[in-house]
Amino acid sequence: MLNVRMGPGTEYPVIDHFAPDARGLQQVTCVPLLKAEYYFKMTEAEIDALPPSWCLMQSADWRIEGWVAQRYLTADHNMQMHAGDEVQDVVEAAELLVQQLYSDHLRAMSDGSTSPLDPARAGDFFTAPLAAKMAREGLQADPLFDAQDAEITDLHVARDAEQPMFRGLVTVNVDFRNFGHPRRAVVLLRSEDGAPQVIRIEHENWSFE
């Protein structure tokens, strides 16, 4: 049995267990939190010196939730082999959703139509908690283009070629030029009942989540 703890470390009490053959677990987050903007600035020595990783996991039925040592986790490769077509469909749907997200936002910037960042439409693209946060707190900068002012050209949206889906998360890269300067946004999506939704957008120096 795999111990499920109250916090990310052996100093926290065990509150539940996962069976050794448990499948379909959902990864909420892991610590240390290695976002792209931090990871690519670190040396290999700095990465190796980080403490062991712990992940906050949920059972497929949501009955068990807690922290487990990441070294005991492996991707559900067998499930993906048997559901290869389904995984491919989710990845393609995620890519199409991000394409629509960016194209609709560009259209709204040019003709004043309702942006997908508007609370009235955000739920079509973002997870419910993130859409609620957008409605509650508003936006200080454009989370799609990492800018308050934008002149966008050469927009290209494509799934991550090396690892489009890992542990239930789909990665879609968005490359563009803003006032002629090359930029990339990394969009992470999670599939909810086969329908992908955006959970985070990573830029060079910050993340929208």
C-alpha atoms as a PDB file:
ATOM      1  CA  MET A   1       0.000   0.000   0.000  1.00  0.00           C
ATOM      2  CA  LEU A   2       1.198   3.502  -0.772  1.00  0.00           C
ATOM      3  CA  ASN A   3       0.985   5.913   2.152  1.00  0.00           C
ATOM      4  CA  VAL A   4      -1.083   9.059   1.551  1.00  0.00           C
ATOM      5  CA  ARG A   5       0.040  11.871   3.837  1.00  0.00           C
ATOM      6  CA  MET A   6      -1.404  15.157   5.047  1.00  0.00           C
ATOM      7  CA  GLY A   7       1.525  17.116   3.586  1.00  0.00           C
ATOM      8  CA  PRO A   8       4.545  16.719   1.270  1.00  0.00           C
ATOM      9  CA  GLY A   9       6.964  14.832   3.530  1.00  0.00           C
ATOM     10  CA  THR A  10       7.381  11.916   5.914  1.00  0.00           C
ATOM     11  CA  GLU A  11       6.991  14.282   8.868  1.00  0.00           C
ATOM     12  CA  TYR A  12       3.269  14.559   8.037  1.00  0.00           C
ATOM     13  CA  PRO A  13       0.845  11.909   9.337  1.00  0.00           C
ATOM     14  CA  VAL A  14      -0.540   9.171   7.099  1.00  0.00           C
ATOM     15  CA  ILE A  15      -4.220   9.845   6.402  1.00  0.00           C
ATOM     16  CA  ASP A  16      -5.029   7.146   3.824  1.00  0.00           C
ATOM     17  CA  HIS A  17      -3.539   4.650   1.348  1.00  0.00           C
ATOM     18  CA  PHE A  18      -3.535   3.914  -2.371  1.00  0.00           C
ATOM     19  CA  ALA A  19      -3.510   0.299  -3.498  1.00  0.00           C
ATOM     20  CA  PRO A  20      -0.251  -0.747  -5.200  1.00  0.00           C
ATOM     21  CA  ASP A  21      -2.103  -1.318  -8.486  1.00  0.00           C
ATOM     22  CA  ALA A  22      -4.237   1.855  -8.296  1.00  0.00           C
ATOM     23  CA  ARG A  23      -4.945   3.360 -11.711  1.00  0.00           C
ATOM     24  CA  GLY A  24      -6.483   6.564 -13.007  1.00  0.00           C
ATOM     25  CA  LEU A  25      -5.072   8.787 -10.257  1.00  0.00           C
ATOM     26  CA  GLN A  26      -5.175  12.522 -10.920  1.00  0.00           C
ATOM     27  CA  GLN A  27      -2.085  14.614 -10.196  1.00  0.00           C
ATOM     28  CA  VAL A  28      -3.039  18.024  -8.788  1.00  0.00           C
ATOM     29  CA  THR A  29       0.479  19.414  -8.307  1.00  0.00           C
ATOM     30  CA  CYS A  30       3.969  18.431  -7.206  1.00  0.00           C
ATOM     31  CA  VAL A  31       6.630  20.098  -5.063  1.00  0.00           C
ATOM     32  CA  PRO A  32       9.223  21.395  -5.620  1.00  0.00           C
ATOM     33  CA  LEU A  33       7.191  23.315  -8.196  1.00  0.00           C
ATOM     34  CA  LEU A  34       9.393  23.386 -11.287  1.00  0.00           C
ATOM     35  CA  LYS A  35       7.615  25.720 -13.676  1.00  0.00           C
ATOM     36  CA  ALA A  36       9.227  26.283 -17.033  1.00  0.00           C
ATOM     37  CA  GLU A  37      10.503  29.783 -16.214  1.00  0.00           C
ATOM     38  CA  TYR A  38      12.356  28.418 -13.174  1.00  0.00           C
ATOM     39  CA  TYR A  39      13.506  25.096 -14.561  1.00  0.00           C
ATOM     40  CA  PHE A  40      15.322  26.502 -17.592  1.00  0.00           C
ATOM     41  CA  LYS A  41      17.236  28.988 -15.433  1.00  0.00           C
ATOM     42  CA  MET A  42      18.592  26.281 -13.110  1.00  0.00           C
ATOM     43  CA  THR A  43      21.809  24.341 -13.573  1.00  0.00           C
ATOM     44  CA  GLU A  44      21.849  20.541 -13.460  1.00  0.00           C
ATOM     45  CA  ALA A  45      23.589  20.747 -10.096  1.00  0.00           C
ATOM     46  CA  GLU A  46      20.831  22.971  -8.696  1.00  0.00           C
ATOM     47  CA  ILE A  47      18.154  20.593  -9.981  1.00  0.00           C
ATOM     48  CA  ASP A  48      19.958  17.568  -8.511  1.00  0.00           C
ATOM     49  CA  ALA A  49      20.201  19.378  -5.144  1.00  0.00           C
ATOM     50  CA  LEU A  50      16.436  19.811  -4.853  1.00  0.00           C
ATOM     51  CA  PRO A  51      14.689  17.733  -2.162  1.00  0.00           C
ATOM     52  CA  PRO A  52      12.698  14.635  -3.201  1.00  0.00           C
ATOM     53  CA  SER A  53       9.468  15.412  -5.032  1.00  0.00           C
ATOM     54  CA  TRP A  54       6.035  14.883  -3.495  1.00  0.00           C
ATOM     55  CA  CYS A  55       2.786  14.988  -5.439  1.00  0.00           C
ATOM     56  CA  LEU A  56      -0.762  15.808  -4.365  1.00  0.00           C
ATOM     57  CA  MET A  57      -2.858  13.004  -5.840  1.00  0.00           C
ATOM     58  CA  GLN A  58      -6.575  12.217  -6.059  1.00  0.00           C
ATOM     59  CA  SER A  59      -8.223   8.863  -6.647  1.00  0.00           C
ATOM     60  CA  ALA A  60     -10.385   8.498  -9.733  1.00  0.00           C
ATOM     61  CA  ASP A  61     -13.520   8.600  -7.567  1.00  0.00           C
ATOM     62  CA  TRP A  62     -12.249  11.613  -5.512  1.00  0.00           C
ATOM     63  CA  ARG A  63     -12.583   9.616  -2.256  1.00  0.00           C
ATOM     64  CA  ILE A  64      -8.843   9.640  -1.476  1.00  0.00           C
ATOM     65  CA  GLU A  65      -6.662  12.736  -1.675  1.00  0.00           C
ATOM     66  CA  GLY A  66      -3.264  13.474  -0.231  1.00  0.00           C
ATOM     67  CA  TRP A  67       0.486  13.668  -0.761  1.00  0.00           C
ATOM     68  CA  VAL A  68       2.634  10.749  -1.919  1.00  0.00           C
ATOM     69  CA  ALA A  69       6.325  10.394  -2.785  1.00  0.00           C
ATOM     70  CA  GLN A  70       6.702  10.893  -6.536  1.00  0.00           C
ATOM     71  CA  ARG A  71       9.288   8.091  -6.830  1.00  0.00           C
ATOM     72  CA  TYR A  72       6.485   5.568  -6.314  1.00  0.00           C
ATOM     73  CA  LEU A  73       4.384   6.922  -9.188  1.00  0.00           C
ATOM     74  CA  THR A  74       4.482   5.817 -12.803  1.00  0.00           C
ATOM     75  CA  ALA A  75       2.400   6.904 -15.771  1.00  0.00           C
ATOM     76  CA  ASP A  76      -0.540   4.671 -16.697  1.00  0.00           C
ATOM     77  CA  HIS A  77       1.158   3.406 -19.861  1.00  0.00           C
ATOM     78  CA  ASN A  78      -1.048   0.327 -20.136  1.00  0.00           C
ATOM     79  CA  MET A  79      -4.180   2.446 -19.927  1.00  0.00           C
ATOM     80  CA  GLN A  80      -2.838   4.736 -22.624  1.00  0.00           C
ATOM     81  CA  MET A  81      -1.987   1.750 -24.855  1.00  0.00           C
ATOM     82  CA  HIS A  82      -5.540   0.418 -24.606  1.00  0.00           C
ATOM     83  CA  ALA A  83      -7.022   3.881 -24.994  1.00  0.00           C
ATOM     84  CA  GLY A  84      -4.548   5.217 -27.568  1.00  0.00           C
ATOM     85  CA  ASP A  85      -7.245   6.575 -29.868  1.00  0.00           C
ATOM     86  CA  GLU A  86      -8.974   8.291 -26.950  1.00  0.00           C
ATOM     87  CA  VAL A  87      -5.710   9.927 -25.832  1.00  0.00           C
ATOM     88  CA  GLN A  88      -5.036  11.094 -29.382  1.00  0.00           C
ATOM     89  CA  ASP A  89      -8.549  12.544 -29.579  1.00  0.00           C
ATOM     90  CA  VAL A  90      -7.992  14.482 -26.334  1.00  0.00           C
ATOM     91  CA  VAL A  91      -4.672  15.885 -27.582  1.00  0.00           C
ATOM     92  CA  GLU A  92      -6.220  16.966 -30.880  1.00  0.00           C
ATOM     93  CA  ALA A  93      -9.200  18.503 -29.080  1.00  0.00           C
ATOM     94  CA  ALA A  94      -6.829  20.420 -26.790  1.00  0.00           C
ATOM     95  CA  GLU A  95      -4.893  21.782 -29.756  1.00  0.00           C
ATOM     96  CA  LEU A  96      -8.108  22.876 -31.476  1.00  0.00           C
ATOM     97  CA  LEU A  97      -9.368  24.527 -28.277  1.00  0.00           C
ATOM     98  CA  VAL A  98      -6.182  26.583 -27.938  1.00  0.00           C
ATOM     99  CA  GLN A  99      -6.367  27.558 -31.609  1.00  0.00           C
ATOM    100  CA  GLN A 100      -9.921  28.773 -31.088  1.00  0.00           C
ATOM    101  CA  LEU A 101      -8.968  30.534 -27.841  1.00  0.00           C
ATOM    102  CA  TYR A 102      -6.256  32.576 -29.532  1.00  0.00           C
ATOM    103  CA  SER A 103      -8.098  33.209 -32.798  1.00  0.00           C
ATOM    104  CA  ASP A 104     -11.252  34.378 -31.001  1.00  0.00           C
ATOM    105  CA  HIS A 105      -9.190  36.628 -28.746  1.00  0.00           C
ATOM    106  CA  LEU A 106      -7.399  38.178 -31.722  1.00  0.00           C
ATOM    107  CA  ARG A 107     -10.755  38.759 -33.396  1.00  0.00           C
ATOM    108  CA  ALA A 108     -12.079  40.437 -30.250  1.00  0.00           C
ATOM    109  CA  MET A 109      -9.027  42.700 -30.161  1.00  0.00           C
ATOM    110  CA  SER A 110      -9.713  43.841 -33.719  1.00  0.00           C
ATOM    111  CA  ASP A 111     -13.499  44.094 -33.911  1.00  0.00           C
ATOM    112  CA  GLY A 112     -14.617  44.435 -30.282  1.00  0.00           C
ATOM    113  CA  SER A 113     -16.496  41.127 -30.161  1.00  0.00           C
ATOM    114  CA  THR A 114     -16.703  39.233 -26.865  1.00  0.00           C
ATOM    115  CA  SER A 115     -13.301  37.822 -25.948  1.00  0.00           C
ATOM    116  CA  PRO A 116     -12.916  34.290 -24.584  1.00  0.00           C
ATOM    117  CA  LEU A 117     -11.344  36.017 -21.562  1.00  0.00           C
ATOM    118  CA  ASP A 118     -14.689  37.628 -20.795  1.00  0.00           C
ATOM    119  CA  PRO A 119     -16.471  35.937 -17.847  1.00  0.00           C
ATOM    120  CA  ALA A 120     -19.378  35.188 -20.164  1.00  0.00           C
ATOM    121  CA  ARG A 121     -17.167  32.927 -22.293  1.00  0.00           C
ATOM    122  CA  ALA A 122     -14.248  31.947 -20.060  1.00  0.00           C
ATOM    123  CA  GLY A 123     -15.956  28.745 -18.924  1.00  0.00           C
ATOM    124  CA  ASP A 124     -15.816  27.436 -22.500  1.00  0.00           C
ATOM    125  CA  PHE A 125     -12.008  27.411 -22.395  1.00  0.00           C
ATOM    126  CA  PHE A 126     -10.786  27.445 -18.791  1.00  0.00           C
ATOM    127  CA  THR A 127     -11.408  25.220 -15.778  1.00  0.00           C
ATOM    128  CA  ALA A 128     -14.197  26.403 -13.503  1.00  0.00           C
ATOM    129  CA  PRO A 129     -11.832  27.597 -10.724  1.00  0.00           C
ATOM    130  CA  LEU A 130      -9.710  29.588 -13.173  1.00  0.00           C
ATOM    131  CA  ALA A 131     -12.748  31.095 -14.907  1.00  0.00           C
ATOM    132  CA  ALA A 132     -14.150  32.087 -11.504  1.00  0.00           C
ATOM    133  CA  LYS A 133     -10.831  33.682 -10.552  1.00  0.00           C
ATOM    134  CA  MET A 134     -10.843  35.708 -13.777  1.00  0.00           C
ATOM    135  CA  ALA A 135     -14.359  36.945 -13.067  1.00  0.00           C
ATOM    136  CA  ARG A 136     -13.552  37.725  -9.437  1.00  0.00           C
ATOM    137  CA  GLU A 137     -10.152  39.377  -9.775  1.00  0.00           C
ATOM    138  CA  GLY A 138     -10.128  40.624 -13.362  1.00  0.00           C
ATOM    139  CA  LEU A 139      -6.998  40.730 -15.523  1.00  0.00           C
ATOM    140  CA  GLN A 140      -4.028  43.042 -15.085  1.00  0.00           C
ATOM    141  CA  ALA A 141      -2.378  41.953 -18.327  1.00  0.00           C
ATOM    142  CA  ASP A 142      -3.261  39.828 -21.313  1.00  0.00           C
ATOM    143  CA  PRO A 143      -2.633  36.226 -20.163  1.00  0.00           C
ATOM    144  CA  LEU A 144      -2.519  34.936 -23.733  1.00  0.00           C
ATOM    145  CA  PHE A 145       0.134  37.300 -25.047  1.00  0.00           C
ATOM    146  CA  ASP A 146       1.876  38.440 -21.843  1.00  0.00           C
ATOM    147  CA  ALA A 147       1.293  42.099 -22.649  1.00  0.00           C
ATOM    148  CA  GLN A 148      -0.910  45.095 -22.031  1.00  0.00           C
ATOM    149  CA  ASP A 149      -0.414  46.245 -25.623  1.00  0.00           C
ATOM    150  CA  ALA A 150      -0.126  43.819 -28.493  1.00  0.00           C
ATOM    151  CA  GLU A 151       0.574  43.775 -32.206  1.00  0.00           C
ATOM    152  CA  ILE A 152       0.525  40.078 -32.967  1.00  0.00           C
ATOM    153  CA  THR A 153       1.917  38.424 -36.094  1.00  0.00           C
ATOM    154  CA  ASP A 154       3.107  34.936 -37.103  1.00  0.00           C
ATOM    155  CA  LEU A 155       0.823  33.104 -34.673  1.00  0.00           C
ATOM    156  CA  HIS A 156       1.392  29.348 -34.626  1.00  0.00           C
ATOM    157  CA  VAL A 157      -0.378  26.882 -32.322  1.00  0.00           C
ATOM    158  CA  ALA A 158       0.801  23.269 -32.058  1.00  0.00           C
ATOM    159  CA  ARG A 159       0.809  20.437 -29.520  1.00  0.00           C
ATOM    160  CA  ASP A 160       4.164  19.671 -27.917  1.00  0.00           C
ATOM    161  CA  ALA A 161       5.825  17.268 -30.363  1.00  0.00           C
ATOM    162  CA  GLU A 162       8.005  15.497 -27.782  1.00  0.00           C
ATOM    163  CA  GLN A 163       5.440  14.997 -25.021  1.00  0.00           C
ATOM    164  CA  PRO A 164       1.947  16.203 -25.942  1.00  0.00           C
ATOM    165  CA  MET A 165       0.265  14.435 -23.002  1.00  0.00           C
ATOM    166  CA  PHE A 166       1.736  13.395 -19.653  1.00  0.00           C
ATOM    167  CA  ARG A 167      -0.133  12.342 -16.511  1.00  0.00           C
ATOM    168  CA  GLY A 168      -3.393  13.682 -17.879  1.00  0.00           C
ATOM    169  CA  LEU A 169      -1.992  17.081 -18.878  1.00  0.00           C
ATOM    170  CA  VAL A 170      -1.795  18.191 -22.513  1.00  0.00           C
ATOM    171  CA  THR A 171       0.864  20.707 -23.527  1.00  0.00           C
ATOM    172  CA  VAL A 172       0.229  23.080 -26.443  1.00  0.00           C
ATOM    173  CA  ASN A 173       2.855  25.609 -27.538  1.00  0.00           C
ATOM    174  CA  VAL A 174       1.819  28.978 -28.937  1.00  0.00           C
ATOM    175  CA  ASP A 175       4.522  30.866 -30.852  1.00  0.00           C
ATOM    176  CA  PHE A 176       3.989  34.424 -32.078  1.00  0.00           C
ATOM    177  CA  ARG A 177       5.615  37.800 -32.550  1.00  0.00           C
ATOM    178  CA  ASN A 178       4.521  40.819 -30.552  1.00  0.00           C
ATOM    179  CA  PHE A 179       5.714  44.088 -32.114  1.00  0.00           C
ATOM    180  CA  GLY A 180       8.187  41.929 -34.017  1.00  0.00           C
ATOM    181  CA  HIS A 181       9.668  40.190 -30.978  1.00  0.00           C
ATOM    182  CA  PRO A 182       9.407  36.363 -30.850  1.00  0.00           C
ATOM    183  CA  ARG A 183       7.437  34.999 -27.909  1.00  0.00           C
ATOM    184  CA  ARG A 184       6.145  31.622 -26.730  1.00  0.00           C
ATOM    185  CA  ALA A 185       3.275  30.743 -24.424  1.00  0.00           C
ATOM    186  CA  VAL A 186       2.983  27.190 -23.079  1.00  0.00           C
ATOM    187  CA  VAL A 187      -0.650  26.249 -22.496  1.00  0.00           C
ATOM    188  CA  LEU A 188      -1.420  23.320 -20.180  1.00  0.00           C
ATOM    189  CA  LEU A 189      -4.808  21.653 -20.356  1.00  0.00           C
ATOM    190  CA  ARG A 190      -6.523  18.922 -18.371  1.00  0.00           C
ATOM    191  CA  SER A 191      -9.220  16.710 -19.816  1.00  0.00           C
ATOM    192  CA  GLU A 192     -12.502  16.640 -17.903  1.00  0.00           C
ATOM    193  CA  ASP A 193     -14.696  13.823 -19.219  1.00  0.00           C
ATOM    194  CA  GLY A 194     -12.911  14.010 -22.555  1.00  0.00           C
ATOM    195  CA  ALA A 195     -13.253  17.796 -22.863  1.00  0.00           C
ATOM    196  CA  PRO A 196      -9.920  19.639 -22.412  1.00  0.00           C
ATOM    197  CA  GLN A 197      -9.806  22.889 -20.433  1.00  0.00           C
ATOM    198  CA  VAL A 198      -6.955  25.307 -19.791  1.00  0.00           C
ATOM    199  CA  ILE A 199      -5.467  25.140 -16.295  1.00  0.00           C
ATOM    200  CA  ARG A 200      -2.300  27.220 -16.788  1.00  0.00           C
ATOM    201  CA  ILE A 201      -0.529  29.443 -19.323  1.00  0.00           C
ATOM    202  CA  GLU A 202       3.225  29.773 -18.853  1.00  0.00           C
ATOM    203  CA  HIS A 203       5.292  32.697 -20.122  1.00  0.00           C
ATOM    204  CA  GLU A 204       8.984  33.395 -19.795  1.00  0.00           C
ATOM    205  CA  ASN A 205       8.747  35.264 -16.477  1.00  0.00           C
ATOM    206  CA  TRP A 206       5.325  34.389 -15.063  1.00  0.00           C
ATOM    207  CA  SER A 207       2.390  32.038 -15.248  1.00  0.00           C
ATOM    208  CA  PHE A 208      -1.334  32.635 -15.429  1.00  0.00           C
ATOM    209  CA  GLU A 209      -3.133  30.068 -13.265  1.00  0.00           C
END
